Amino acid sequence: MESVVGYARTFFTGGEYNQEPLRDFHTEVLRFHKTIEDLAHYLESGTSLQGITPERLLQGPLSDAMTHAGQLAMLRRLAGAPVPPENFIYADIQPDNLGPHQPAPVRPWNRYGEWPDEE
């Protein structure tokens, strides 16, 4: 997903995005969050897009990243390590917290209003 978000950033900065292999997963996670922070900065500052519309940015690389998030959630569930369900209407989402340290889910997303049992 880092390469998809990095590609989205190029529509603000120009050039191409070439991802270099990193030495470990932790370093890759840090790079991913830094890339998200950079993209958020360009969006917040009103930097002009180069060559596409905001709609194409959303329908292209940003939608692709959201699709990958869903695929990862599905793979985690298949591997026996599901992501806890979350009602994102009530989630503790802070636009300035784009790093790897995110708050825990605060409200379940199921018809019973409770967290599923651990397996």
PDB file of N, CA and C in Angstrom:
ATOM      1  N   MET A   1       0.818  -1.190   0.000  1.00  0.00           N
ATOM      2  CA  MET A   1       0.000   0.000   0.000  1.00  0.00           C
ATOM      3  C   MET A   1       0.864   1.257   0.000  1.00  0.00           C
ATOM      4  N   GLU A   2       2.074   1.144   0.506  1.00  0.00           N
ATOM      5  CA  GLU A   2       2.943   2.321   0.537  1.00  0.00           C
ATOM      6  C   GLU A   2       3.213   2.834  -0.865  1.00  0.00           C
ATOM      7  N   SER A   3       3.363   1.928  -1.806  1.00  0.00           N
ATOM      8  CA  SER A   3       3.635   2.372  -3.175  1.00  0.00           C
ATOM      9  C   SER A   3       2.409   3.059  -3.789  1.00  0.00           C
ATOM     10  N   VAL A   4       1.204   2.635  -3.426  1.00  0.00           N
ATOM     11  CA  VAL A   4      -0.008   3.265  -3.942  1.00  0.00           C
ATOM     12  C   VAL A   4      -0.131   4.686  -3.378  1.00  0.00           C
ATOM     13  N   VAL A   5       0.118   4.845  -2.073  1.00  0.00           N
ATOM     14  CA  VAL A   5       0.049   6.171  -1.459  1.00  0.00           C
ATOM     15  C   VAL A   5       1.193   7.050  -1.981  1.00  0.00           C
ATOM     16  N   GLY A   6       2.367   6.457  -2.167  1.00  0.00           N
ATOM     17  CA  GLY A   6       3.485   7.207  -2.746  1.00  0.00           C
ATOM     18  C   GLY A   6       3.188   7.666  -4.160  1.00  0.00           C
ATOM     19  N   TYR A   7       2.517   6.821  -4.912  1.00  0.00           N
ATOM     20  CA  TYR A   7       2.103   7.190  -6.271  1.00  0.00           C
ATOM     21  C   TYR A   7       1.114   8.352  -6.216  1.00  0.00           C
ATOM     22  N   ALA A   8       0.159   8.308  -5.292  1.00  0.00           N
ATOM     23  CA  ALA A   8      -0.808   9.409  -5.145  1.00  0.00           C
ATOM     24  C   ALA A   8      -0.077  10.709  -4.842  1.00  0.00           C
ATOM     25  N   ARG A   9       0.967  10.634  -4.046  1.00  0.00           N
ATOM     26  CA  ARG A   9       1.732  11.837  -3.691  1.00  0.00           C
ATOM     27  C   ARG A   9       2.388  12.475  -4.908  1.00  0.00           C
ATOM     28  N   THR A  10       2.727  11.674  -5.918  1.00  0.00           N
ATOM     29  CA  THR A  10       3.389  12.241  -7.094  1.00  0.00           C
ATOM     30  C   THR A  10       2.497  13.201  -7.859  1.00  0.00           C
ATOM     31  N   PHE A  11       1.189  13.118  -7.668  1.00  0.00           N
ATOM     32  CA  PHE A  11       0.291  14.055  -8.349  1.00  0.00           C
ATOM     33  C   PHE A  11       0.334  15.438  -7.713  1.00  0.00           C
ATOM     34  N   PHE A  12       1.017  15.564  -6.574  1.00  0.00           N
ATOM     35  CA  PHE A  12       1.275  16.858  -5.959  1.00  0.00           C
ATOM     36  C   PHE A  12       2.718  17.307  -6.185  1.00  0.00           C
ATOM     37  N   THR A  13       3.643  16.342  -6.210  1.00  0.00           N
ATOM     38  CA  THR A  13       5.062  16.669  -6.251  1.00  0.00           C
ATOM     39  C   THR A  13       5.684  16.526  -7.634  1.00  0.00           C
ATOM     40  N   GLY A  14       5.004  15.794  -8.521  1.00  0.00           N
ATOM     41  CA  GLY A  14       5.589  15.499  -9.815  1.00  0.00           C
ATOM     42  C   GLY A  14       6.526  14.310  -9.724  1.00  0.00           C
ATOM     43  N   GLY A  15       7.116  13.962 -10.819  1.00  0.00           N
ATOM     44  CA  GLY A  15       8.060  12.849 -10.866  1.00  0.00           C
ATOM     45  C   GLY A  15       7.393  11.501 -10.809  1.00  0.00           C
ATOM     46  N   GLU A  16       8.187  10.504 -10.505  1.00  0.00           N
ATOM     47  CA  GLU A  16       7.713   9.128 -10.394  1.00  0.00           C
ATOM     48  C   GLU A  16       7.997   8.629  -8.998  1.00  0.00           C
ATOM     49  N   TYR A  17       7.299   7.576  -8.613  1.00  0.00           N
ATOM     50  CA  TYR A  17       7.543   6.981  -7.303  1.00  0.00           C
ATOM     51  C   TYR A  17       8.209   5.632  -7.493  1.00  0.00           C
ATOM     52  N   ASN A  18       9.411   5.507  -7.003  1.00  0.00           N
ATOM     53  CA  ASN A  18      10.147   4.242  -7.063  1.00  0.00           C
ATOM     54  C   ASN A  18      10.461   3.818  -5.638  1.00  0.00           C
ATOM     55  N   GLN A  19       9.894   2.726  -5.246  1.00  0.00           N
ATOM     56  CA  GLN A  19      10.024   2.221  -3.889  1.00  0.00           C
ATOM     57  C   GLN A  19      11.318   1.427  -3.748  1.00  0.00           C
ATOM     58  N   GLU A  20      12.149   1.807  -2.789  1.00  0.00           N
ATOM     59  CA  GLU A  20      13.373   1.054  -2.509  1.00  0.00           C
ATOM     60  C   GLU A  20      13.077  -0.017  -1.469  1.00  0.00           C
ATOM     61  N   PRO A  21      13.625  -1.208  -1.623  1.00  0.00           N
ATOM     62  CA  PRO A  21      13.430  -2.234  -0.591  1.00  0.00           C
ATOM     63  C   PRO A  21      14.042  -1.778   0.738  1.00  0.00           C
ATOM     64  N   LEU A  22      13.346  -2.076   1.823  1.00  0.00           N
ATOM     65  CA  LEU A  22      13.844  -1.721   3.147  1.00  0.00           C
ATOM     66  C   LEU A  22      14.298  -2.965   3.892  1.00  0.00           C
ATOM     67  N   ARG A  23      15.056  -2.767   4.958  1.00  0.00           N
ATOM     68  CA  ARG A  23      15.699  -3.889   5.648  1.00  0.00           C
ATOM     69  C   ARG A  23      14.763  -4.725   6.511  1.00  0.00           C
ATOM     70  N   ASP A  24      13.641  -4.129   6.993  1.00  0.00           N
ATOM     71  CA  ASP A  24      12.736  -4.899   7.840  1.00  0.00           C
ATOM     72  C   ASP A  24      11.323  -4.324   7.799  1.00  0.00           C
ATOM     73  N   PHE A  25      10.387  -5.094   8.317  1.00  0.00           N
ATOM     74  CA  PHE A  25       8.980  -4.721   8.262  1.00  0.00           C
ATOM     75  C   PHE A  25       8.707  -3.449   9.075  1.00  0.00           C
ATOM     76  N   HIS A  26       9.311  -3.343  10.254  1.00  0.00           N
ATOM     77  CA  HIS A  26       9.089  -2.162  11.102  1.00  0.00           C
ATOM     78  C   HIS A  26       9.478  -0.877  10.366  1.00  0.00           C
ATOM     79  N   THR A  27      10.596  -0.893   9.679  1.00  0.00           N
ATOM     80  CA  THR A  27      11.031   0.275   8.917  1.00  0.00           C
ATOM     81  C   THR A  27      10.049   0.580   7.792  1.00  0.00           C
ATOM     82  N   GLU A  28       9.503  -0.464   7.187  1.00  0.00           N
ATOM     83  CA  GLU A  28       8.509  -0.282   6.129  1.00  0.00           C
ATOM     84  C   GLU A  28       7.231   0.359   6.691  1.00  0.00           C
ATOM     85  N   VAL A  29       6.801  -0.070   7.868  1.00  0.00           N
ATOM     86  CA  VAL A  29       5.609   0.519   8.495  1.00  0.00           C
ATOM     87  C   VAL A  29       5.835   2.006   8.758  1.00  0.00           C
ATOM     88  N   LEU A  30       7.006   2.354   9.270  1.00  0.00           N
ATOM     89  CA  LEU A  30       7.317   3.768   9.522  1.00  0.00           C
ATOM     90  C   LEU A  30       7.301   4.575   8.233  1.00  0.00           C
ATOM     91  N   ARG A  31       7.857   4.003   7.150  1.00  0.00           N
ATOM     92  CA  ARG A  31       7.856   4.704   5.867  1.00  0.00           C
ATOM     93  C   ARG A  31       6.426   4.897   5.359  1.00  0.00           C
ATOM     94  N   PHE A  32       5.578   3.893   5.515  1.00  0.00           N
ATOM     95  CA  PHE A  32       4.182   3.992   5.098  1.00  0.00           C
ATOM     96  C   PHE A  32       3.481   5.147   5.802  1.00  0.00           C
ATOM     97  N   HIS A  33       3.644   5.229   7.107  1.00  0.00           N
ATOM     98  CA  HIS A  33       2.986   6.306   7.855  1.00  0.00           C
ATOM     99  C   HIS A  33       3.566   7.676   7.504  1.00  0.00           C
ATOM    100  N   LYS A  34       4.840   7.750   7.230  1.00  0.00           N
ATOM    101  CA  LYS A  34       5.448   9.017   6.799  1.00  0.00           C
ATOM    102  C   LYS A  34       4.880   9.445   5.448  1.00  0.00           C
ATOM    103  N   THR A  35       4.699   8.504   4.550  1.00  0.00           N
ATOM    104  CA  THR A  35       4.129   8.813   3.236  1.00  0.00           C
ATOM    105  C   THR A  35       2.691   9.299   3.379  1.00  0.00           C
ATOM    106  N   ILE A  36       1.921   8.676   4.270  1.00  0.00           N
ATOM    107  CA  ILE A  36       0.553   9.144   4.522  1.00  0.00           C
ATOM    108  C   ILE A  36       0.570  10.560   5.087  1.00  0.00           C
ATOM    109  N   GLU A  37       1.479  10.833   6.016  1.00  0.00           N
ATOM    110  CA  GLU A  37       1.596  12.183   6.575  1.00  0.00           C
ATOM    111  C   GLU A  37       1.930  13.198   5.486  1.00  0.00           C
ATOM    112  N   ASP A  38       2.841  12.840   4.594  1.00  0.00           N
ATOM    113  CA  ASP A  38       3.197  13.744   3.489  1.00  0.00           C
ATOM    114  C   ASP A  38       1.990  14.021   2.596  1.00  0.00           C
ATOM    115  N   LEU A  39       1.260  12.972   2.235  1.00  0.00           N
ATOM    116  CA  LEU A  39       0.082  13.136   1.389  1.00  0.00           C
ATOM    117  C   LEU A  39      -0.961  14.009   2.086  1.00  0.00           C
ATOM    118  N   ALA A  40      -1.171  13.788   3.374  1.00  0.00           N
ATOM    119  CA  ALA A  40      -2.126  14.601   4.131  1.00  0.00           C
ATOM    120  C   ALA A  40      -1.706  16.068   4.134  1.00  0.00           C
ATOM    121  N   HIS A  41      -0.415  16.318   4.262  1.00  0.00           N
ATOM    122  CA  HIS A  41       0.082  17.696   4.239  1.00  0.00           C
ATOM    123  C   HIS A  41      -0.270  18.383   2.919  1.00  0.00           C
ATOM    124  N   TYR A  42      -0.058  17.692   1.813  1.00  0.00           N
ATOM    125  CA  TYR A  42      -0.376  18.281   0.504  1.00  0.00           C
ATOM    126  C   TYR A  42      -1.875  18.537   0.367  1.00  0.00           C
ATOM    127  N   LEU A  43      -2.682  17.613   0.860  1.00  0.00           N
ATOM    128  CA  LEU A  43      -4.136  17.793   0.792  1.00  0.00           C
ATOM    129  C   LEU A  43      -4.589  18.977   1.658  1.00  0.00           C
ATOM    130  N   GLU A  44      -4.067  19.056   2.885  1.00  0.00           N
ATOM    131  CA  GLU A  44      -4.451  20.134   3.807  1.00  0.00           C
ATOM    132  C   GLU A  44      -3.995  21.500   3.334  1.00  0.00           C
ATOM    133  N   SER A  45      -2.838  21.549   2.730  1.00  0.00           N
ATOM    134  CA  SER A  45      -2.281  22.840   2.324  1.00  0.00           C
ATOM    135  C   SER A  45      -2.878  23.362   1.026  1.00  0.00           C
ATOM    136  N   GLY A  46      -3.697  22.539   0.366  1.00  0.00           N
ATOM    137  CA  GLY A  46      -4.329  22.972  -0.875  1.00  0.00           C
ATOM    138  C   GLY A  46      -3.392  22.970  -2.062  1.00  0.00           C
ATOM    139  N   THR A  47      -2.322  22.189  -1.982  1.00  0.00           N
ATOM    140  CA  THR A  47      -1.387  22.077  -3.097  1.00  0.00           C
ATOM    141  C   THR A  47      -2.139  21.600  -4.335  1.00  0.00           C
ATOM    142  N   SER A  48      -1.853  22.235  -5.463  1.00  0.00           N
ATOM    143  CA  SER A  48      -2.537  21.883  -6.708  1.00  0.00           C
ATOM    144  C   SER A  48      -2.125  20.498  -7.189  1.00  0.00           C
ATOM    145  N   LEU A  49      -3.110  19.788  -7.704  1.00  0.00           N
ATOM    146  CA  LEU A  49      -2.839  18.497  -8.336  1.00  0.00           C
ATOM    147  C   LEU A  49      -2.247  18.738  -9.716  1.00  0.00           C
ATOM    148  N   GLN A  50      -1.373  17.849 -10.125  1.00  0.00           N
ATOM    149  CA  GLN A  50      -0.732  17.948 -11.432  1.00  0.00           C
ATOM    150  C   GLN A  50      -1.279  16.859 -12.349  1.00  0.00           C
ATOM    151  N   GLY A  51      -2.124  17.239 -13.279  1.00  0.00           N
ATOM    152  CA  GLY A  51      -2.559  16.312 -14.316  1.00  0.00           C
ATOM    153  C   GLY A  51      -3.810  15.514 -14.032  1.00  0.00           C
ATOM    154  N   ILE A  52      -4.376  15.595 -12.825  1.00  0.00           N
ATOM    155  CA  ILE A  52      -5.624  14.881 -12.545  1.00  0.00           C
ATOM    156  C   ILE A  52      -6.533  15.759 -11.696  1.00  0.00           C
ATOM    157  N   THR A  53      -7.779  15.342 -11.588  1.00  0.00           N
ATOM    158  CA  THR A  53      -8.752  16.046 -10.756  1.00  0.00           C
ATOM    159  C   THR A  53      -8.792  15.396  -9.372  1.00  0.00           C
ATOM    160  N   PRO A  54      -9.339  16.091  -8.377  1.00  0.00           N
ATOM    161  CA  PRO A  54      -9.513  15.455  -7.064  1.00  0.00           C
ATOM    162  C   PRO A  54     -10.344  14.170  -7.144  1.00  0.00           C
ATOM    163  N   GLU A  55     -11.333  14.159  -8.034  1.00  0.00           N
ATOM    164  CA  GLU A  55     -12.158  12.958  -8.191  1.00  0.00           C
ATOM    165  C   GLU A  55     -11.323  11.780  -8.681  1.00  0.00           C
ATOM    166  N   ARG A  56     -10.419  12.024  -9.602  1.00  0.00           N
ATOM    167  CA  ARG A  56      -9.564  10.934 -10.106  1.00  0.00           C
ATOM    168  C   ARG A  56      -8.582  10.469  -9.035  1.00  0.00           C
ATOM    169  N   LEU A  57      -8.113  11.389  -8.199  1.00  0.00           N
ATOM    170  CA  LEU A  57      -7.236  10.989  -7.088  1.00  0.00           C
ATOM    171  C   LEU A  57      -7.998  10.047  -6.159  1.00  0.00           C
ATOM    172  N   LEU A  58      -9.246  10.387  -5.859  1.00  0.00           N
ATOM    173  CA  LEU A  58     -10.065   9.540  -4.992  1.00  0.00           C
ATOM    174  C   LEU A  58     -10.395   8.213  -5.665  1.00  0.00           C
ATOM    175  N   GLN A  59     -10.812   8.255  -6.930  1.00  0.00           N
ATOM    176  CA  GLN A  59     -11.226   7.043  -7.631  1.00  0.00           C
ATOM    177  C   GLN A  59     -10.052   6.173  -8.064  1.00  0.00           C
ATOM    178  N   GLY A  60      -8.848   6.732  -8.082  1.00  0.00           N
ATOM    179  CA  GLY A  60      -7.665   5.988  -8.493  1.00  0.00           C
ATOM    180  C   GLY A  60      -6.887   5.470  -7.299  1.00  0.00           C
ATOM    181  N   PRO A  61      -5.755   6.123  -6.973  1.00  0.00           N
ATOM    182  CA  PRO A  61      -4.870   5.565  -5.953  1.00  0.00           C
ATOM    183  C   PRO A  61      -5.477   5.495  -4.550  1.00  0.00           C
ATOM    184  N   LEU A  62      -6.328   6.460  -4.169  1.00  0.00           N
ATOM    185  CA  LEU A  62      -6.894   6.400  -2.819  1.00  0.00           C
ATOM    186  C   LEU A  62      -7.900   5.252  -2.691  1.00  0.00           C
ATOM    187  N   SER A  63      -8.714   5.029  -3.715  1.00  0.00           N
ATOM    188  CA  SER A  63      -9.622   3.879  -3.698  1.00  0.00           C
ATOM    189  C   SER A  63      -8.852   2.568  -3.736  1.00  0.00           C
ATOM    190  N   ASP A  64      -7.757   2.548  -4.473  1.00  0.00           N
ATOM    191  CA  ASP A  64      -6.903   1.359  -4.538  1.00  0.00           C
ATOM    192  C   ASP A  64      -6.358   1.035  -3.146  1.00  0.00           C
ATOM    193  N   ALA A  65      -5.908   2.049  -2.414  1.00  0.00           N
ATOM    194  CA  ALA A  65      -5.390   1.826  -1.062  1.00  0.00           C
ATOM    195  C   ALA A  65      -6.481   1.290  -0.136  1.00  0.00           C
ATOM    196  N   MET A  66      -7.704   1.824  -0.260  1.00  0.00           N
ATOM    197  CA  MET A  66      -8.806   1.329   0.572  1.00  0.00           C
ATOM    198  C   MET A  66      -9.146  -0.120   0.230  1.00  0.00           C
ATOM    199  N   THR A  67      -9.065  -0.465  -1.046  1.00  0.00           N
ATOM    200  CA  THR A  67      -9.296  -1.853  -1.456  1.00  0.00           C
ATOM    201  C   THR A  67      -8.254  -2.769  -0.836  1.00  0.00           C
ATOM    202  N   HIS A  68      -6.994  -2.344  -0.856  1.00  0.00           N
ATOM    203  CA  HIS A  68      -5.925  -3.153  -0.253  1.00  0.00           C
ATOM    204  C   HIS A  68      -6.134  -3.317   1.244  1.00  0.00           C
ATOM    205  N   ALA A  69      -6.629  -2.277   1.925  1.00  0.00           N
ATOM    206  CA  ALA A  69      -6.913  -2.394   3.361  1.00  0.00           C
ATOM    207  C   ALA A  69      -7.952  -3.486   3.598  1.00  0.00           C
ATOM    208  N   GLY A  70      -8.976  -3.528   2.774  1.00  0.00           N
ATOM    209  CA  GLY A  70      -9.985  -4.573   2.890  1.00  0.00           C
ATOM    210  C   GLY A  70      -9.421  -5.953   2.611  1.00  0.00           C
ATOM    211  N   GLN A  71      -8.536  -6.045   1.636  1.00  0.00           N
ATOM    212  CA  GLN A  71      -7.915  -7.337   1.329  1.00  0.00           C
ATOM    213  C   GLN A  71      -7.062  -7.819   2.501  1.00  0.00           C
ATOM    214  N   LEU A  72      -6.330  -6.908   3.124  1.00  0.00           N
ATOM    215  CA  LEU A  72      -5.515  -7.293   4.275  1.00  0.00           C
ATOM    216  C   LEU A  72      -6.391  -7.741   5.444  1.00  0.00           C
ATOM    217  N   ALA A  73      -7.514  -7.055   5.655  1.00  0.00           N
ATOM    218  CA  ALA A  73      -8.439  -7.455   6.717  1.00  0.00           C
ATOM    219  C   ALA A  73      -8.979  -8.865   6.442  1.00  0.00           C
ATOM    220  N   MET A  74      -9.308  -9.144   5.193  1.00  0.00           N
ATOM    221  CA  MET A  74      -9.809 -10.465   4.836  1.00  0.00           C
ATOM    222  C   MET A  74      -8.735 -11.533   5.073  1.00  0.00           C
ATOM    223  N   LEU A  75      -7.509 -11.249   4.671  1.00  0.00           N
ATOM    224  CA  LEU A  75      -6.425 -12.218   4.864  1.00  0.00           C
ATOM    225  C   LEU A  75      -6.149 -12.459   6.347  1.00  0.00           C
ATOM    226  N   ARG A  76      -6.236 -11.420   7.155  1.00  0.00           N
ATOM    227  CA  ARG A  76      -6.045 -11.599   8.602  1.00  0.00           C
ATOM    228  C   ARG A  76      -7.137 -12.497   9.171  1.00  0.00           C
ATOM    229  N   ARG A  77      -8.373 -12.287   8.721  1.00  0.00           N
ATOM    230  CA  ARG A  77      -9.472 -13.132   9.215  1.00  0.00           C
ATOM    231  C   ARG A  77      -9.226 -14.591   8.812  1.00  0.00           C
ATOM    232  N   LEU A  78      -8.822 -14.821   7.572  1.00  0.00           N
ATOM    233  CA  LEU A  78      -8.541 -16.183   7.106  1.00  0.00           C
ATOM    234  C   LEU A  78      -7.390 -16.817   7.867  1.00  0.00           C
ATOM    235  N   ALA A  79      -6.445 -16.003   8.332  1.00  0.00           N
ATOM    236  CA  ALA A  79      -5.292 -16.508   9.072  1.00  0.00           C
ATOM    237  C   ALA A  79      -5.589 -16.681  10.562  1.00  0.00           C
ATOM    238  N   GLY A  80      -6.826 -16.366  10.968  1.00  0.00           N
ATOM    239  CA  GLY A  80      -7.189 -16.534  12.375  1.00  0.00           C
ATOM    240  C   GLY A  80      -6.829 -15.360  13.251  1.00  0.00           C
ATOM    241  N   ALA A  81      -6.512 -14.212  12.675  1.00  0.00           N
ATOM    242  CA  ALA A  81      -6.162 -13.010  13.436  1.00  0.00           C
ATOM    243  C   ALA A  81      -6.980 -11.830  12.923  1.00  0.00           C
ATOM    244  N   PRO A  82      -8.310 -11.892  13.087  1.00  0.00           N
ATOM    245  CA  PRO A  82      -9.153 -10.842  12.498  1.00  0.00           C
ATOM    246  C   PRO A  82      -8.944  -9.483  13.144  1.00  0.00           C
ATOM    247  N   VAL A  83      -9.169  -8.459  12.353  1.00  0.00           N
ATOM    248  CA  VAL A  83      -9.164  -7.091  12.847  1.00  0.00           C
ATOM    249  C   VAL A  83     -10.464  -6.910  13.629  1.00  0.00           C
ATOM    250  N   PRO A  84     -10.404  -6.326  14.850  1.00  0.00           N
ATOM    251  CA  PRO A  84     -11.656  -6.141  15.589  1.00  0.00           C
ATOM    252  C   PRO A  84     -12.636  -5.279  14.798  1.00  0.00           C
ATOM    253  N   PRO A  85     -13.923  -5.632  14.818  1.00  0.00           N
ATOM    254  CA  PRO A  85     -14.902  -4.827  14.093  1.00  0.00           C
ATOM    255  C   PRO A  85     -15.017  -3.454  14.742  1.00  0.00           C
ATOM    256  N   GLU A  86     -15.217  -2.454  13.935  1.00  0.00           N
ATOM    257  CA  GLU A  86     -15.288  -1.082  14.443  1.00  0.00           C
ATOM    258  C   GLU A  86     -16.355  -0.318  13.683  1.00  0.00           C
ATOM    259  N   ASN A  87     -17.193   0.405  14.394  1.00  0.00           N
ATOM    260  CA  ASN A  87     -18.146   1.310  13.781  1.00  0.00           C
ATOM    261  C   ASN A  87     -17.409   2.629  13.588  1.00  0.00           C
ATOM    262  N   PHE A  88     -16.988   2.913  12.362  1.00  0.00           N
ATOM    263  CA  PHE A  88     -16.142   4.073  12.108  1.00  0.00           C
ATOM    264  C   PHE A  88     -16.868   5.409  12.239  1.00  0.00           C
ATOM    265  N   ILE A  89     -18.187   5.376  12.381  1.00  0.00           N
ATOM    266  CA  ILE A  89     -18.918   6.608  12.688  1.00  0.00           C
ATOM    267  C   ILE A  89     -18.498   7.107  14.069  1.00  0.00           C
ATOM    268  N   TYR A  90     -18.215   6.176  14.986  1.00  0.00           N
ATOM    269  CA  TYR A  90     -17.884   6.520  16.370  1.00  0.00           C
ATOM    270  C   TYR A  90     -16.397   6.335  16.695  1.00  0.00           C
ATOM    271  N   ALA A  91     -15.602   5.929  15.742  1.00  0.00           N
ATOM    272  CA  ALA A  91     -14.177   5.662  15.981  1.00  0.00           C
ATOM    273  C   ALA A  91     -13.443   6.923  16.416  1.00  0.00           C
ATOM    274  N   ASP A  92     -12.401   6.725  17.203  1.00  0.00           N
ATOM    275  CA  ASP A  92     -11.573   7.835  17.683  1.00  0.00           C
ATOM    276  C   ASP A  92     -10.553   8.194  16.595  1.00  0.00           C
ATOM    277  N   ILE A  93     -11.046   8.802  15.527  1.00  0.00           N
ATOM    278  CA  ILE A  93     -10.198   9.170  14.396  1.00  0.00           C
ATOM    279  C   ILE A  93      -9.739  10.610  14.577  1.00  0.00           C
ATOM    280  N   GLN A  94      -8.436  10.810  14.589  1.00  0.00           N
ATOM    281  CA  GLN A  94      -7.852  12.137  14.733  1.00  0.00           C
ATOM    282  C   GLN A  94      -7.052  12.440  13.471  1.00  0.00           C
ATOM    283  N   PRO A  95      -7.419  13.474  12.722  1.00  0.00           N
ATOM    284  CA  PRO A  95      -6.728  13.751  11.465  1.00  0.00           C
ATOM    285  C   PRO A  95      -5.239  14.045  11.634  1.00  0.00           C
ATOM    286  N   ASP A  96      -4.809  14.445  12.818  1.00  0.00           N
ATOM    287  CA  ASP A  96      -3.389  14.732  13.023  1.00  0.00           C
ATOM    288  C   ASP A  96      -2.626  13.507  13.517  1.00  0.00           C
ATOM    289  N   ASN A  97      -3.295  12.387  13.726  1.00  0.00           N
ATOM    290  CA  ASN A  97      -2.637  11.155  14.162  1.00  0.00           C
ATOM    291  C   ASN A  97      -2.560  10.194  12.988  1.00  0.00           C
ATOM    292  N   LEU A  98      -1.511  10.329  12.185  1.00  0.00           N
ATOM    293  CA  LEU A  98      -1.348   9.481  11.010  1.00  0.00           C
ATOM    294  C   LEU A  98      -0.215   8.477  11.186  1.00  0.00           C
ATOM    295  N   GLY A  99       0.361   8.415  12.367  1.00  0.00           N
ATOM    296  CA  GLY A  99       1.466   7.505  12.636  1.00  0.00           C
ATOM    297  C   GLY A  99       0.991   6.104  12.969  1.00  0.00           C
ATOM    298  N   PRO A 100       1.931   5.236  13.324  1.00  0.00           N
ATOM    299  CA  PRO A 100       1.586   3.837  13.584  1.00  0.00           C
ATOM    300  C   PRO A 100       0.852   3.611  14.909  1.00  0.00           C
ATOM    301  N   HIS A 101       0.856   4.573  15.826  1.00  0.00           N
ATOM    302  CA  HIS A 101       0.223   4.400  17.137  1.00  0.00           C
ATOM    303  C   HIS A 101      -1.204   4.940  17.086  1.00  0.00           C
ATOM    304  N   GLN A 102      -2.136   4.043  16.822  1.00  0.00           N
ATOM    305  CA  GLN A 102      -3.535   4.395  16.665  1.00  0.00           C
ATOM    306  C   GLN A 102      -4.331   3.946  17.890  1.00  0.00           C
ATOM    307  N   PRO A 103      -5.431   4.657  18.200  1.00  0.00           N
ATOM    308  CA  PRO A 103      -6.255   4.249  19.347  1.00  0.00           C
ATOM    309  C   PRO A 103      -6.962   2.928  19.092  1.00  0.00           C
ATOM    310  N   ALA A 104      -7.271   2.255  20.167  1.00  0.00           N
ATOM    311  CA  ALA A 104      -8.002   0.989  20.074  1.00  0.00           C
ATOM    312  C   ALA A 104      -9.437   1.261  19.636  1.00  0.00           C
ATOM    313  N   PRO A 105     -10.102   0.263  19.043  1.00  0.00           N
ATOM    314  CA  PRO A 105     -11.513   0.432  18.685  1.00  0.00           C
ATOM    315  C   PRO A 105     -12.336   0.792  19.923  1.00  0.00           C
ATOM    316  N   VAL A 106     -13.343   1.654  19.739  1.00  0.00           N
ATOM    317  CA  VAL A 106     -14.146   2.102  20.880  1.00  0.00           C
ATOM    318  C   VAL A 106     -15.580   1.602  20.837  1.00  0.00           C
ATOM    319  N   ARG A 107     -16.047   1.190  19.684  1.00  0.00           N
ATOM    320  CA  ARG A 107     -17.436   0.748  19.588  1.00  0.00           C
ATOM    321  C   ARG A 107     -17.534  -0.371  18.553  1.00  0.00           C
ATOM    322  N   PRO A 108     -18.104  -1.502  18.963  1.00  0.00           N
ATOM    323  CA  PRO A 108     -18.185  -2.626  18.028  1.00  0.00           C
ATOM    324  C   PRO A 108     -19.161  -2.355  16.896  1.00  0.00           C
ATOM    325  N   TRP A 109     -18.974  -3.118  15.836  1.00  0.00           N
ATOM    326  CA  TRP A 109     -19.874  -3.022  14.692  1.00  0.00           C
ATOM    327  C   TRP A 109     -20.530  -4.383  14.514  1.00  0.00           C
ATOM    328  N   ASN A 110     -21.567  -4.624  15.282  1.00  0.00           N
ATOM    329  CA  ASN A 110     -22.395  -5.803  15.058  1.00  0.00           C
ATOM    330  C   ASN A 110     -23.776  -5.556  15.656  1.00  0.00           C
ATOM    331  N   ARG A 111     -24.697  -6.375  15.323  1.00  0.00           N
ATOM    332  CA  ARG A 111     -26.085  -6.126  15.726  1.00  0.00           C
ATOM    333  C   ARG A 111     -26.319  -6.294  17.221  1.00  0.00           C
ATOM    334  N   TYR A 112     -25.375  -6.929  17.931  1.00  0.00           N
ATOM    335  CA  TYR A 112     -25.543  -7.141  19.360  1.00  0.00           C
ATOM    336  C   TYR A 112     -24.875  -6.051  20.197  1.00  0.00           C
ATOM    337  N   GLY A 113     -24.088  -5.166  19.542  1.00  0.00           N
ATOM    338  CA  GLY A 113     -23.424  -4.094  20.267  1.00  0.00           C
ATOM    339  C   GLY A 113     -22.324  -4.565  21.188  1.00  0.00           C
ATOM    340  N   GLU A 114     -21.710  -5.698  20.855  1.00  0.00           N
ATOM    341  CA  GLU A 114     -20.622  -6.201  21.702  1.00  0.00           C
ATOM    342  C   GLU A 114     -19.512  -6.742  20.821  1.00  0.00           C
ATOM    343  N   TRP A 115     -18.338  -6.882  21.435  1.00  0.00           N
ATOM    344  CA  TRP A 115     -17.201  -7.420  20.712  1.00  0.00           C
ATOM    345  C   TRP A 115     -17.375  -8.921  20.543  1.00  0.00           C
ATOM    346  N   PRO A 116     -16.940  -9.478  19.414  1.00  0.00           N
ATOM    347  CA  PRO A 116     -17.039 -10.926  19.234  1.00  0.00           C
ATOM    348  C   PRO A 116     -16.103 -11.643  20.213  1.00  0.00           C
ATOM    349  N   ASP A 117     -16.471 -12.881  20.564  1.00  0.00           N
ATOM    350  CA  ASP A 117     -15.617 -13.662  21.440  1.00  0.00           C
ATOM    351  C   ASP A 117     -14.294 -13.951  20.761  1.00  0.00           C
ATOM    352  N   GLU A 118     -13.233 -13.991  21.572  1.00  0.00           N
ATOM    353  CA  GLU A 118     -11.905 -14.369  21.061  1.00  0.00           C
ATOM    354  C   GLU A 118     -11.914 -15.850  20.745  1.00  0.00           C
ATOM    355  N   GLU A 119     -11.240 -16.221  19.711  1.00  0.00           N
ATOM    356  CA  GLU A 119     -11.170 -17.634  19.337  1.00  0.00           C
ATOM    357  C   GLU A 119      -9.950 -18.279  19.931  1.00  0.00           C
TER     358      GLU A 119
END
